[in-house]
Amino acid sequence: MELIGNSAQIARINTMSKQIALTDSNVLISGEHGSGKGLIAQIIHNNSTRNNKPYITINCAILNVDAMSRALFGYEEGTDVTRGALEKADGGTIFLKEIDSMPIELQKRLLYFLQTQKLVRINGNETIFTDVRIIVATTQNLETMVCKQNFLIDLYNSLATDNINVPTLRERREDIPLLIEHILDQILPLMPICEFAQEVMHKFMTYKWPGNILELINTIERLCIMYPKQMITINHLPKEFTDVRSNLFNMNQVVIVKSDLATKSFDLKDHLEKI
């Protein structure tokens, strides 16, 4: 498993992820929504010595303080004991999405765990030792949050032992054809293969993709569902692709296509076999 693409940025991240996997350090992954942060975390776990142990994901943005505390540290109610992710993932990896959403009071508890590998369940008294690797992801600049005292500097330093910055899709446009091929073959294997007119590929290559790879997947899936086995033309595209303001990029700066694209249609499978 690795990120799909031939760009220098993706080659660098694939190499870095495999190198980091050989260590046991905590990892901070930064990037926009939908850029592939979760996949990188999974790659690191899969290539590590922890790959036969649990891998647990928690989204900090969708839980309040109490729910997040219970999810991470577990809790006790009378004789009932519920283990948290830090216990369940003993020997494995925990991936914390949107770490920037974690409240300060919970940041302090997480920092204590990172420093000691010890935890106490909510309402509990027993000190529990557990061996877990922490990988976190953020869409924010945590250094700025530290300066504004919204994120603990000691926690930042503990988490950012290794730091991976994920490029946006618009920063690696040369990967778009290969990504579409992968989406059609691996992610949407039961969908009929579509052909894309050259004007459509031009729109794909110049569109800003604010939702990054996730938006690309959703777009291809929607087109395949709505227009199965058809030639996809610009008239089939959602409105945002025909908005001139979304396409203010110079195609001359994007080196991905050969002269054979200047034909009536663009068949991804046929073209990608040649490049």
Foldseek 3Di string as FASTA:
>chain_A
DADFFDDPLRVVLRVVLLVLLADQAAEEEEDAAQLCLVVSVVSSQCNHPLVVFDEEEDELQPDDQVRVLCQAAWADDPPDTDGHPQARRFSGEYEYEAPLNHFPVVLVQVLVCLVPQWGAHHVGDDIDHGDYHYYYYHHDDVVVCVVVVSHPPSSVVRNVPDYHYGDFCLVRLLRVLVLLVCLCVPVVVVFAAEWEFLVRNLLSSQFPPSNGSVVVSVQSVVLSVVPPHYYDYPVSHDPSSVPVVRRPDDCVVPPHDDPVSPDGIGRSVVVVVVD
